[in-house]
PDB file of N, CA and C in Angstrom:
ATOM      1  N   PHE A   1      -2.820   9.977 -28.833  1.00  0.00           N
ATOM      2  CA  PHE A   1      -3.226   8.498 -28.870  1.00  0.00           C
ATOM      3  C   PHE A   1      -1.989   7.733 -28.301  1.00  0.00           C
ATOM      4  N   THR A   2      -0.872   7.938 -28.802  1.00  0.00           N
ATOM      5  CA  THR A   2       0.374   7.120 -28.343  1.00  0.00           C
ATOM      6  C   THR A   2       0.549   7.359 -26.797  1.00  0.00           C
ATOM      7  N   GLU A   3       0.359   8.626 -26.388  1.00  0.00           N
ATOM      8  CA  GLU A   3       0.527   8.916 -24.861  1.00  0.00           C
ATOM      9  C   GLU A   3      -0.450   8.111 -24.092  1.00  0.00           C
ATOM     10  N   LEU A   4      -1.763   8.062 -24.500  1.00  0.00           N
ATOM     11  CA  LEU A   4      -2.806   7.353 -23.941  1.00  0.00           C
ATOM     12  C   LEU A   4      -2.444   5.809 -23.747  1.00  0.00           C
ATOM     13  N   ILE A   5      -1.985   5.197 -24.862  1.00  0.00           N
ATOM     14  CA  ILE A   5      -1.628   3.886 -24.774  1.00  0.00           C
ATOM     15  C   ILE A   5      -0.384   3.637 -23.888  1.00  0.00           C
ATOM     16  N   LEU A   6       0.621   4.468 -23.946  1.00  0.00           N
ATOM     17  CA  LEU A   6       1.872   4.285 -23.170  1.00  0.00           C
ATOM     18  C   LEU A   6       1.467   4.428 -21.742  1.00  0.00           C
ATOM     19  N   PHE A   7       0.813   5.504 -21.273  1.00  0.00           N
ATOM     20  CA  PHE A   7       0.497   5.814 -19.820  1.00  0.00           C
ATOM     21  C   PHE A   7      -0.596   4.944 -19.367  1.00  0.00           C
ATOM     22  N   GLY A   8      -1.614   4.655 -20.288  1.00  0.00           N
ATOM     23  CA  GLY A   8      -2.682   3.744 -19.883  1.00  0.00           C
ATOM     24  C   GLY A   8      -2.113   2.455 -19.521  1.00  0.00           C
ATOM     25  N   GLY A   9      -1.148   1.914 -20.330  1.00  0.00           N
ATOM     26  CA  GLY A   9      -0.603   0.597 -20.133  1.00  0.00           C
ATOM     27  C   GLY A   9       0.189   0.662 -18.755  1.00  0.00           C
ATOM     28  N   MET A  10       0.909   1.675 -18.583  1.00  0.00           N
ATOM     29  CA  MET A  10       1.731   1.908 -17.236  1.00  0.00           C
ATOM     30  C   MET A  10       0.875   1.964 -16.056  1.00  0.00           C
ATOM     31  N   PHE A  11      -0.300   2.573 -16.184  1.00  0.00           N
ATOM     32  CA  PHE A  11      -1.161   2.703 -14.971  1.00  0.00           C
ATOM     33  C   PHE A  11      -1.888   1.401 -14.788  1.00  0.00           C
ATOM     34  N   LEU A  12      -2.142   0.678 -15.868  1.00  0.00           N
ATOM     35  CA  LEU A  12      -2.776  -0.598 -15.668  1.00  0.00           C
ATOM     36  C   LEU A  12      -1.758  -1.602 -15.008  1.00  0.00           C
ATOM     37  N   LEU A  13      -0.531  -1.641 -15.546  1.00  0.00           N
ATOM     38  CA  LEU A  13       0.493  -2.467 -14.988  1.00  0.00           C
ATOM     39  C   LEU A  13       0.689  -2.104 -13.429  1.00  0.00           C
ATOM     40  N   TYR A  14       0.726  -0.799 -13.239  1.00  0.00           N
ATOM     41  CA  TYR A  14       0.876  -0.384 -11.830  1.00  0.00           C
ATOM     42  C   TYR A  14      -0.289  -0.951 -10.969  1.00  0.00           C
ATOM     43  N   SER A  15      -1.450  -0.822 -11.476  1.00  0.00           N
ATOM     44  CA  SER A  15      -2.659  -1.220 -10.655  1.00  0.00           C
ATOM     45  C   SER A  15      -2.561  -2.682 -10.321  1.00  0.00           C
ATOM     46  N   VAL A  16      -2.215  -3.565 -11.334  1.00  0.00           N
ATOM     47  CA  VAL A  16      -2.184  -4.998 -11.118  1.00  0.00           C
ATOM     48  C   VAL A  16      -1.060  -5.310 -10.045  1.00  0.00           C
ATOM     49  N   TYR A  17       0.083  -4.692 -10.292  1.00  0.00           N
ATOM     50  CA  TYR A  17       1.191  -4.991  -9.268  1.00  0.00           C
ATOM     51  C   TYR A  17       0.780  -4.440  -7.853  1.00  0.00           C
ATOM     52  N   ARG A  18       0.064  -3.339  -7.820  1.00  0.00           N
ATOM     53  CA  ARG A  18      -0.136  -2.722  -6.484  1.00  0.00           C
ATOM     54  C   ARG A  18      -1.279  -3.694  -5.838  1.00  0.00           C
ATOM     55  N   PHE A  19      -2.148  -4.264  -6.560  1.00  0.00           N
ATOM     56  CA  PHE A  19      -3.062  -5.190  -5.970  1.00  0.00           C
ATOM     57  C   PHE A  19      -2.317  -6.470  -5.543  1.00  0.00           C
ATOM     58  N   GLN A  20      -1.318  -7.013  -6.350  1.00  0.00           N
ATOM     59  CA  GLN A  20      -0.645  -8.110  -5.881  1.00  0.00           C
ATOM     60  C   GLN A  20       0.278  -7.955  -4.790  1.00  0.00           C
ATOM     61  N   TYR A  21       0.986  -6.783  -4.642  1.00  0.00           N
ATOM     62  CA  TYR A  21       1.973  -6.390  -3.652  1.00  0.00           C
ATOM     63  C   TYR A  21       1.638  -5.196  -2.933  1.00  0.00           C
ATOM     64  N   ALA A  22       0.359  -5.127  -2.319  1.00  0.00           N
ATOM     65  CA  ALA A  22      -0.154  -4.033  -1.641  1.00  0.00           C
ATOM     66  C   ALA A  22       0.819  -3.514  -0.542  1.00  0.00           C
ATOM     67  N   ASP A  23       1.274  -4.431   0.301  1.00  0.00           N
ATOM     68  CA  ASP A  23       2.065  -4.111   1.414  1.00  0.00           C
ATOM     69  C   ASP A  23       3.458  -3.581   1.120  1.00  0.00           C
ATOM     70  N   ALA A  24       4.029  -4.200   0.066  1.00  0.00           N
ATOM     71  CA  ALA A  24       5.289  -3.806  -0.482  1.00  0.00           C
ATOM     72  C   ALA A  24       5.231  -2.415  -1.067  1.00  0.00           C
ATOM     73  N   PHE A  25       4.130  -2.159  -1.789  1.00  0.00           N
ATOM     74  CA  PHE A  25       4.071  -0.958  -2.428  1.00  0.00           C
ATOM     75  C   PHE A  25       3.884   0.258  -1.379  1.00  0.00           C
ATOM     76  N   HIS A  26       3.100  -0.153  -0.444  1.00  0.00           N
ATOM     77  CA  HIS A  26       2.875   0.914   0.666  1.00  0.00           C
ATOM     78  C   HIS A  26       4.234   1.206   1.414  1.00  0.00           C
ATOM     79  N   ILE A  27       5.042   0.295   1.618  1.00  0.00           N
ATOM     80  CA  ILE A  27       6.331   0.424   2.318  1.00  0.00           C
ATOM     81  C   ILE A  27       7.301   1.265   1.357  1.00  0.00           C
ATOM     82  N   ALA A  28       7.306   0.915   0.124  1.00  0.00           N
ATOM     83  CA  ALA A  28       8.159   1.561  -0.850  1.00  0.00           C
ATOM     84  C   ALA A  28       7.743   3.069  -1.017  1.00  0.00           C
ATOM     85  N   ALA A  29       6.484   3.336  -1.065  1.00  0.00           N
ATOM     86  CA  ALA A  29       5.871   4.628  -1.353  1.00  0.00           C
ATOM     87  C   ALA A  29       6.380   5.593  -0.242  1.00  0.00           C
ATOM     88  N   LYS A  30       6.691   5.170   0.882  1.00  0.00           N
ATOM     89  CA  LYS A  30       7.170   5.981   1.975  1.00  0.00           C
ATOM     90  C   LYS A  30       8.551   6.605   1.646  1.00  0.00           C
ATOM     91  N   GLU A  31       9.332   6.062   0.684  1.00  0.00           N
ATOM     92  CA  GLU A  31      10.622   6.587   0.292  1.00  0.00           C
ATOM     93  C   GLU A  31      10.428   7.800  -0.632  1.00  0.00           C
ATOM     94  N   LEU A  32       9.173   7.970  -1.199  1.00  0.00           N
ATOM     95  CA  LEU A  32       8.956   9.091  -2.112  1.00  0.00           C
ATOM     96  C   LEU A  32       8.592  10.337  -1.387  1.00  0.00           C
ATOM     97  N   ASN A  33       8.959  11.404  -2.019  1.00  0.00           N
ATOM     98  CA  ASN A  33       8.698  12.800  -1.437  1.00  0.00           C
ATOM     99  C   ASN A  33       7.432  13.392  -2.303  1.00  0.00           C
ATOM    100  N   THR A  34       6.375  13.275  -1.671  1.00  0.00           N
ATOM    101  CA  THR A  34       5.022  13.677  -2.293  1.00  0.00           C
ATOM    102  C   THR A  34       4.989  15.160  -2.614  1.00  0.00           C
ATOM    103  N   ILE A  35       5.659  16.025  -1.888  1.00  0.00           N
ATOM    104  CA  ILE A  35       5.513  17.391  -2.170  1.00  0.00           C
ATOM    105  C   ILE A  35       6.403  17.665  -3.553  1.00  0.00           C
ATOM    106  N   MET A  36       7.528  17.015  -3.703  1.00  0.00           N
ATOM    107  CA  MET A  36       8.436  17.276  -4.889  1.00  0.00           C
ATOM    108  C   MET A  36       7.693  16.566  -6.039  1.00  0.00           C
ATOM    109  N   GLY A  37       6.915  15.403  -5.888  1.00  0.00           N
ATOM    110  CA  GLY A  37       6.260  14.761  -6.865  1.00  0.00           C
ATOM    111  C   GLY A  37       5.030  15.588  -7.284  1.00  0.00           C
ATOM    112  N   ALA A  38       4.446  16.308  -6.470  1.00  0.00           N
ATOM    113  CA  ALA A  38       3.253  17.160  -6.735  1.00  0.00           C
ATOM    114  C   ALA A  38       3.781  18.280  -7.484  1.00  0.00           C
ATOM    115  N   PHE A  39       4.882  18.892  -7.005  1.00  0.00           N
ATOM    116  CA  PHE A  39       5.562  20.005  -7.754  1.00  0.00           C
ATOM    117  C   PHE A  39       5.878  19.741  -9.111  1.00  0.00           C
ATOM    118  N   ASN A  40       6.605  18.542  -9.364  1.00  0.00           N
ATOM    119  CA  ASN A  40       6.963  18.043 -10.656  1.00  0.00           C
ATOM    120  C   ASN A  40       5.697  18.036 -11.615  1.00  0.00           C
ATOM    121  N   THR A  41       4.646  17.498 -11.089  1.00  0.00           N
ATOM    122  CA  THR A  41       3.427  17.386 -11.857  1.00  0.00           C
ATOM    123  C   THR A  41       2.914  18.673 -12.221  1.00  0.00           C
ATOM    124  N   ALA A  42       2.848  19.689 -11.334  1.00  0.00           N
ATOM    125  CA  ALA A  42       2.428  20.953 -11.614  1.00  0.00           C
ATOM    126  C   ALA A  42       3.267  21.586 -12.748  1.00  0.00           C
ATOM    127  N   VAL A  43       4.551  21.417 -12.614  1.00  0.00           N
ATOM    128  CA  VAL A  43       5.466  21.988 -13.684  1.00  0.00           C
ATOM    129  C   VAL A  43       5.136  21.376 -14.891  1.00  0.00           C
ATOM    130  N   LEU A  44       5.062  20.044 -14.991  1.00  0.00           N
ATOM    131  CA  LEU A  44       4.766  19.301 -16.376  1.00  0.00           C
ATOM    132  C   LEU A  44       3.396  19.875 -16.958  1.00  0.00           C
ATOM    133  N   LEU A  45       2.357  20.001 -16.088  1.00  0.00           N
ATOM    134  CA  LEU A  45       1.078  20.341 -16.664  1.00  0.00           C
ATOM    135  C   LEU A  45       1.117  21.799 -17.087  1.00  0.00           C
ATOM    136  N   THR A  46       1.732  22.693 -16.323  1.00  0.00           N
ATOM    137  CA  THR A  46       1.953  24.085 -16.706  1.00  0.00           C
ATOM    138  C   THR A  46       2.614  24.153 -17.959  1.00  0.00           C
ATOM    139  N   SER A  47       3.827  23.494 -18.128  1.00  0.00           N
ATOM    140  CA  SER A  47       4.539  23.590 -19.323  1.00  0.00           C
ATOM    141  C   SER A  47       3.879  22.937 -20.607  1.00  0.00           C
ATOM    142  N   SER A  48       2.945  22.030 -20.485  1.00  0.00           N
ATOM    143  CA  SER A  48       2.111  21.481 -21.520  1.00  0.00           C
ATOM    144  C   SER A  48       1.109  22.755 -22.020  1.00  0.00           C
ATOM    145  N   MET A  49       0.603  23.280 -20.944  1.00  0.00           N
ATOM    146  CA  MET A  49      -0.351  24.327 -21.252  1.00  0.00           C
ATOM    147  C   MET A  49       0.311  25.508 -22.057  1.00  0.00           C
ATOM    148  N   THR A  50       1.546  25.865 -21.481  1.00  0.00           N
ATOM    149  CA  THR A  50       2.267  27.013 -22.207  1.00  0.00           C
ATOM    150  C   THR A  50       2.423  26.630 -23.637  1.00  0.00           C
ATOM    151  N   MET A  51       2.941  25.355 -23.864  1.00  0.00           N
ATOM    152  CA  MET A  51       3.278  25.041 -25.239  1.00  0.00           C
ATOM    153  C   MET A  51       1.963  24.994 -26.066  1.00  0.00           C
ATOM    154  N   ALA A  52       0.880  24.486 -25.565  1.00  0.00           N
ATOM    155  CA  ALA A  52      -0.360  24.426 -26.302  1.00  0.00           C
ATOM    156  C   ALA A  52      -0.849  25.926 -26.675  1.00  0.00           C
ATOM    157  N   LEU A  53      -0.643  26.773 -25.650  1.00  0.00           N
ATOM    158  CA  LEU A  53      -0.970  28.158 -25.844  1.00  0.00           C
ATOM    159  C   LEU A  53      -0.120  28.789 -26.921  1.00  0.00           C
ATOM    160  N   SER A  54       1.182  28.372 -27.001  1.00  0.00           N
ATOM    161  CA  SER A  54       2.030  28.885 -27.953  1.00  0.00           C
ATOM    162  C   SER A  54       1.617  28.525 -29.375  1.00  0.00           C
ATOM    163  N   ILE A  55       1.269  27.256 -29.452  1.00  0.00           N
ATOM    164  CA  ILE A  55       0.735  26.797 -30.762  1.00  0.00           C
ATOM    165  C   ILE A  55      -0.509  27.554 -31.256  1.00  0.00           C
ATOM    166  N   VAL A  56      -1.438  27.835 -30.323  1.00  0.00           N
ATOM    167  CA  VAL A  56      -2.640  28.632 -30.600  1.00  0.00           C
ATOM    168  C   VAL A  56      -2.083  30.108 -31.027  1.00  0.00           C
ATOM    169  N   ALA A  57      -1.262  30.598 -30.304  1.00  0.00           N
ATOM    170  CA  ALA A  57      -0.787  32.065 -30.612  1.00  0.00           C
ATOM    171  C   ALA A  57      -0.178  32.085 -32.014  1.00  0.00           C
ATOM    172  N   ILE A  58       0.657  31.124 -32.384  1.00  0.00           N
ATOM    173  CA  ILE A  58       1.259  31.157 -33.756  1.00  0.00           C
ATOM    174  C   ILE A  58       0.171  30.957 -34.806  1.00  0.00           C
ATOM    175  N   GLN A  59      -0.872  30.167 -34.506  1.00  0.00           N
ATOM    176  CA  GLN A  59      -1.875  29.871 -35.477  1.00  0.00           C
ATOM    177  C   GLN A  59      -2.611  31.375 -35.637  1.00  0.00           C
ATOM    178  N   ARG A  60      -2.640  32.166 -34.642  1.00  0.00           N
ATOM    179  CA  ARG A  60      -3.413  33.407 -34.671  1.00  0.00           C
ATOM    180  C   ARG A  60      -2.379  34.584 -35.071  1.00  0.00           C
ATOM    181  N   ASP A  61      -1.296  34.170 -35.725  1.00  0.00           N
ATOM    182  CA  ASP A  61      -0.342  35.082 -36.131  1.00  0.00           C
ATOM    183  C   ASP A  61       0.248  36.083 -35.008  1.00  0.00           C
ATOM    184  N   LYS A  62       0.355  35.595 -33.787  1.00  0.00           N
ATOM    185  CA  LYS A  62       0.950  36.223 -32.705  1.00  0.00           C
ATOM    186  C   LYS A  62       2.305  35.722 -32.426  1.00  0.00           C
ATOM    187  N   LYS A  63       3.259  35.981 -33.254  1.00  0.00           N
ATOM    188  CA  LYS A  63       4.566  35.371 -33.155  1.00  0.00           C
ATOM    189  C   LYS A  63       5.238  35.705 -31.861  1.00  0.00           C
ATOM    190  N   VAL A  64       5.288  36.989 -31.407  1.00  0.00           N
ATOM    191  CA  VAL A  64       5.858  37.404 -30.070  1.00  0.00           C
ATOM    192  C   VAL A  64       5.318  36.767 -28.975  1.00  0.00           C
ATOM    193  N   LEU A  65       3.992  36.589 -28.914  1.00  0.00           N
ATOM    194  CA  LEU A  65       3.372  35.816 -27.684  1.00  0.00           C
ATOM    195  C   LEU A  65       3.842  34.409 -27.800  1.00  0.00           C
ATOM    196  N   SER A  66       3.905  33.802 -29.043  1.00  0.00           N
ATOM    197  CA  SER A  66       4.265  32.399 -29.231  1.00  0.00           C
ATOM    198  C   SER A  66       5.613  32.152 -28.686  1.00  0.00           C
ATOM    199  N   LEU A  67       6.550  33.134 -29.005  1.00  0.00           N
ATOM    200  CA  LEU A  67       7.859  32.986 -28.638  1.00  0.00           C
ATOM    201  C   LEU A  67       8.136  33.115 -27.101  1.00  0.00           C
ATOM    202  N   PHE A  68       7.419  33.975 -26.510  1.00  0.00           N
ATOM    203  CA  PHE A  68       7.305  34.192 -25.136  1.00  0.00           C
ATOM    204  C   PHE A  68       6.953  33.003 -24.447  1.00  0.00           C
ATOM    205  N   LEU A  69       5.746  32.326 -24.938  1.00  0.00           N
ATOM    206  CA  LEU A  69       5.283  31.213 -24.267  1.00  0.00           C
ATOM    207  C   LEU A  69       6.216  30.029 -24.384  1.00  0.00           C
ATOM    208  N   GLN A  70       6.973  29.937 -25.488  1.00  0.00           N
ATOM    209  CA  GLN A  70       7.906  28.915 -25.687  1.00  0.00           C
ATOM    210  C   GLN A  70       9.085  29.088 -24.753  1.00  0.00           C
ATOM    211  N   MET A  71       9.429  30.224 -24.509  1.00  0.00           N
ATOM    212  CA  MET A  71      10.501  30.615 -23.559  1.00  0.00           C
ATOM    213  C   MET A  71      10.032  30.263 -22.078  1.00  0.00           C
ATOM    214  N   ILE A  72       8.817  30.415 -21.717  1.00  0.00           N
ATOM    215  CA  ILE A  72       8.347  29.947 -20.413  1.00  0.00           C
ATOM    216  C   ILE A  72       8.361  28.471 -20.461  1.00  0.00           C
ATOM    217  N   THR A  73       7.998  27.806 -21.499  1.00  0.00           N
ATOM    218  CA  THR A  73       7.990  26.284 -21.530  1.00  0.00           C
ATOM    219  C   THR A  73       9.438  25.712 -21.412  1.00  0.00           C
ATOM    220  N   ILE A  74      10.409  26.403 -21.983  1.00  0.00           N
ATOM    221  CA  ILE A  74      11.804  25.920 -21.861  1.00  0.00           C
ATOM    222  C   ILE A  74      12.300  26.235 -20.482  1.00  0.00           C
ATOM    223  N   SER A  75      11.855  27.294 -19.929  1.00  0.00           N
ATOM    224  CA  SER A  75      12.298  27.660 -18.533  1.00  0.00           C
ATOM    225  C   SER A  75      11.753  26.480 -17.507  1.00  0.00           C
ATOM    226  N   LEU A  76      10.441  26.200 -17.856  1.00  0.00           N
ATOM    227  CA  LEU A  76       9.934  25.216 -16.996  1.00  0.00           C
ATOM    228  C   LEU A  76      10.533  23.755 -17.229  1.00  0.00           C
ATOM    229  N   ALA A  77      10.861  23.485 -18.320  1.00  0.00           N
ATOM    230  CA  ALA A  77      11.676  22.301 -18.625  1.00  0.00           C
ATOM    231  C   ALA A  77      12.975  22.167 -17.973  1.00  0.00           C
ATOM    232  N   LEU A  78      13.687  23.235 -17.989  1.00  0.00           N
ATOM    233  CA  LEU A  78      15.005  23.314 -17.214  1.00  0.00           C
ATOM    234  C   LEU A  78      14.789  23.325 -15.694  1.00  0.00           C
ATOM    235  N   PHE A  79      13.643  23.923 -15.169  1.00  0.00           N
ATOM    236  CA  PHE A  79      13.363  23.870 -13.887  1.00  0.00           C
ATOM    237  C   PHE A  79      13.034  22.379 -13.504  1.00  0.00           C
ATOM    238  N   PHE A  80      12.234  21.669 -14.333  1.00  0.00           N
ATOM    239  CA  PHE A  80      11.973  20.256 -14.099  1.00  0.00           C
ATOM    240  C   PHE A  80      13.237  19.391 -14.074  1.00  0.00           C
ATOM    241  N   LEU A  81      14.119  19.673 -14.912  1.00  0.00           N
ATOM    242  CA  LEU A  81      15.368  18.903 -14.925  1.00  0.00           C
ATOM    243  C   LEU A  81      16.265  19.205 -13.699  1.00  0.00           C
ATOM    244  N   VAL A  82      16.311  20.323 -13.174  1.00  0.00           N
ATOM    245  CA  VAL A  82      16.975  20.575 -11.965  1.00  0.00           C
ATOM    246  C   VAL A  82      16.348  19.904 -10.717  1.00  0.00           C
ATOM    247  N   ASN A  83      14.991  19.873 -10.746  1.00  0.00           N
ATOM    248  CA  ASN A  83      14.304  19.254  -9.671  1.00  0.00           C
ATOM    249  C   ASN A  83      14.492  17.824  -9.761  1.00  0.00           C
ATOM    250  N   LYS A  84      14.411  17.329 -10.946  1.00  0.00           N
ATOM    251  CA  LYS A  84      14.769  15.741 -11.099  1.00  0.00           C
ATOM    252  C   LYS A  84      16.151  15.446 -10.662  1.00  0.00           C
ATOM    253  N   TYR A  85      17.135  16.367 -10.902  1.00  0.00           N
ATOM    254  CA  TYR A  85      18.543  16.043 -10.563  1.00  0.00           C
ATOM    255  C   TYR A  85      18.570  15.921  -9.033  1.00  0.00           C
ATOM    256  N   PHE A  86      17.881  16.821  -8.229  1.00  0.00           N
ATOM    257  CA  PHE A  86      17.823  16.626  -6.715  1.00  0.00           C
ATOM    258  C   PHE A  86      17.147  15.387  -6.336  1.00  0.00           C
ATOM    259  N   GLU A  87      16.036  15.174  -6.941  1.00  0.00           N
ATOM    260  CA  GLU A  87      15.263  13.948  -6.610  1.00  0.00           C
ATOM    261  C   GLU A  87      16.025  12.721  -6.756  1.00  0.00           C
ATOM    262  N   TRP A  88      16.819  12.509  -7.978  1.00  0.00           N
ATOM    263  CA  TRP A  88      17.421  11.351  -8.318  1.00  0.00           C
ATOM    264  C   TRP A  88      18.789  11.291  -7.295  1.00  0.00           C
ATOM    265  N   THR A  89      19.338  12.417  -7.066  1.00  0.00           N
ATOM    266  CA  THR A  89      20.494  12.460  -6.272  1.00  0.00           C
ATOM    267  C   THR A  89      20.240  11.909  -4.905  1.00  0.00           C
ATOM    268  N   ALA A  90      19.002  12.226  -4.414  1.00  0.00           N
ATOM    269  CA  ALA A  90      18.568  11.717  -3.072  1.00  0.00           C
ATOM    270  C   ALA A  90      18.371  10.150  -3.188  1.00  0.00           C
ATOM    271  N   LYS A  91      17.869   9.704  -4.227  1.00  0.00           N
ATOM    272  CA  LYS A  91      17.530   8.260  -4.384  1.00  0.00           C
ATOM    273  C   LYS A  91      18.935   7.557  -4.497  1.00  0.00           C
ATOM    274  N   PHE A  92      19.764   8.039  -5.234  1.00  0.00           N
ATOM    275  CA  PHE A  92      21.174   7.393  -5.374  1.00  0.00           C
ATOM    276  C   PHE A  92      21.857   7.393  -3.960  1.00  0.00           C
ATOM    277  N   HIS A  93      21.704   8.603  -3.220  1.00  0.00           N
ATOM    278  CA  HIS A  93      22.331   8.688  -1.874  1.00  0.00           C
ATOM    279  C   HIS A  93      21.757   7.531  -0.973  1.00  0.00           C
ATOM    280  N   HIS A  94      20.405   7.205  -1.082  1.00  0.00           N
ATOM    281  CA  HIS A  94      19.763   6.160  -0.297  1.00  0.00           C
ATOM    282  C   HIS A  94      19.976   4.810  -0.885  1.00  0.00           C
ATOM    283  N   GLY A  95      20.654   4.688  -2.012  1.00  0.00           N
ATOM    284  CA  GLY A  95      21.056   3.329  -2.555  1.00  0.00           C
ATOM    285  C   GLY A  95      19.863   2.808  -3.476  1.00  0.00           C
ATOM    286  N   ILE A  96      18.949   3.706  -3.869  1.00  0.00           N
ATOM    287  CA  ILE A  96      17.859   3.181  -4.609  1.00  0.00           C
ATOM    288  C   ILE A  96      18.038   3.550  -6.131  1.00  0.00           C
ATOM    289  N   TYR A  97      18.765   2.742  -6.723  1.00  0.00           N
ATOM    290  CA  TYR A  97      18.819   2.743  -8.290  1.00  0.00           C
ATOM    291  C   TYR A  97      19.124   1.454  -8.835  1.00  0.00           C
ATOM    292  N   PRO A  98      18.866   1.201 -10.181  1.00  0.00           N
ATOM    293  CA  PRO A  98      18.843  -0.166 -10.749  1.00  0.00           C
ATOM    294  C   PRO A  98      20.212  -0.859 -10.432  1.00  0.00           C
ATOM    295  N   GLY A  99      20.030  -2.100  -9.977  1.00  0.00           N
ATOM    296  CA  GLY A  99      21.230  -2.894  -9.630  1.00  0.00           C
ATOM    297  C   GLY A  99      21.934  -2.712  -8.397  1.00  0.00           C
ATOM    298  N   SER A 100      21.435  -1.688  -7.642  1.00  0.00           N
ATOM    299  CA  SER A 100      22.159  -1.526  -6.257  1.00  0.00           C
ATOM    300  C   SER A 100      21.727  -2.579  -5.311  1.00  0.00           C
ATOM    301  N   GLU A 101      22.784  -2.744  -4.470  1.00  0.00           N
ATOM    302  CA  GLU A 101      22.623  -3.815  -3.305  1.00  0.00           C
ATOM    303  C   GLU A 101      21.465  -3.417  -2.513  1.00  0.00           C
ATOM    304  N   GLU A 102      21.337  -2.197  -2.159  1.00  0.00           N
ATOM    305  CA  GLU A 102      20.119  -1.729  -1.300  1.00  0.00           C
ATOM    306  C   GLU A 102      18.861  -2.097  -1.922  1.00  0.00           C
ATOM    307  N   LEU A 103      18.611  -1.766  -3.277  1.00  0.00           N
ATOM    308  CA  LEU A 103      17.434  -2.135  -3.861  1.00  0.00           C
ATOM    309  C   LEU A 103      17.212  -3.617  -4.117  1.00  0.00           C
ATOM    310  N   LEU A 104      18.245  -4.258  -4.455  1.00  0.00           N
ATOM    311  CA  LEU A 104      18.186  -5.835  -4.559  1.00  0.00           C
ATOM    312  C   LEU A 104      17.918  -6.534  -3.243  1.00  0.00           C
ATOM    313  N   SER A 105      18.211  -5.897  -2.110  1.00  0.00           N
ATOM    314  CA  SER A 105      17.858  -6.350  -0.737  1.00  0.00           C
ATOM    315  C   SER A 105      16.476  -6.323  -0.369  1.00  0.00           C
ATOM    316  N   LYS A 106      15.627  -5.528  -1.099  1.00  0.00           N
ATOM    317  CA  LYS A 106      14.372  -5.346  -0.864  1.00  0.00           C
ATOM    318  C   LYS A 106      13.496  -6.510  -1.406  1.00  0.00           C
ATOM    319  N   SER A 107      12.095  -6.546  -1.017  1.00  0.00           N
ATOM    320  CA  SER A 107      11.256  -7.524  -1.481  1.00  0.00           C
ATOM    321  C   SER A 107      10.990  -7.345  -2.962  1.00  0.00           C
ATOM    322  N   SER A 108      10.306  -8.425  -3.626  1.00  0.00           N
ATOM    323  CA  SER A 108      10.089  -8.231  -4.984  1.00  0.00           C
ATOM    324  C   SER A 108       9.084  -7.141  -5.359  1.00  0.00           C
ATOM    325  N   GLY A 109       8.044  -7.011  -4.506  1.00  0.00           N
ATOM    326  CA  GLY A 109       7.017  -5.853  -4.664  1.00  0.00           C
ATOM    327  C   GLY A 109       7.743  -4.554  -4.567  1.00  0.00           C
ATOM    328  N   GLU A 110       8.712  -4.265  -3.686  1.00  0.00           N
ATOM    329  CA  GLU A 110       9.452  -3.020  -3.673  1.00  0.00           C
ATOM    330  C   GLU A 110      10.307  -2.675  -4.857  1.00  0.00           C
ATOM    331  N   ILE A 111      10.871  -3.842  -5.322  1.00  0.00           N
ATOM    332  CA  ILE A 111      11.715  -3.678  -6.562  1.00  0.00           C
ATOM    333  C   ILE A 111      10.750  -3.268  -7.728  1.00  0.00           C
ATOM    334  N   LEU A 112       9.640  -3.988  -7.828  1.00  0.00           N
ATOM    335  CA  LEU A 112       8.715  -3.552  -8.871  1.00  0.00           C
ATOM    336  C   LEU A 112       8.160  -2.131  -8.772  1.00  0.00           C
ATOM    337  N   PHE A 113       7.923  -1.759  -7.646  1.00  0.00           N
ATOM    338  CA  PHE A 113       7.499  -0.441  -7.298  1.00  0.00           C
ATOM    339  C   PHE A 113       8.502   0.608  -7.852  1.00  0.00           C
ATOM    340  N   PHE A 114       9.782   0.460  -7.426  1.00  0.00           N
ATOM    341  CA  PHE A 114      10.803   1.366  -7.942  1.00  0.00           C
ATOM    342  C   PHE A 114      11.055   1.259  -9.437  1.00  0.00           C
ATOM    343  N   GLY A 115      10.910   0.046  -9.942  1.00  0.00           N
ATOM    344  CA  GLY A 115      11.005  -0.134 -11.389  1.00  0.00           C
ATOM    345  C   GLY A 115       9.927   0.599 -12.156  1.00  0.00           C
ATOM    346  N   LEU A 116       8.747   0.619 -11.630  1.00  0.00           N
ATOM    347  CA  LEU A 116       7.567   1.367 -12.301  1.00  0.00           C
ATOM    348  C   LEU A 116       7.891   2.840 -12.060  1.00  0.00           C
TER     349      LEU A 116
END
């Protein structure tokens, strides 16, 4: 429920700002790597699934399977962190980080986009 409230609020906020600053959001979105974003999403969804399956396995007294699924989950988490490292390194290289001159030189809508 808390995840629903948090992400529901973020998506609502994003939708309102996207409506208000449609052109700026479109320009800012060109800075994103959609392939890397899709890959990150797939890794997160898969790791959620492996953790849920691990819980089911432990409930069915399959300790070895549960541990195996937890190791997969941890491996996916590490992979996600490495991927984020490269993603954020590229953003810093382009000067897109909180308080940077490059970011502050952009329009209000683009700053909101990157803030969200």
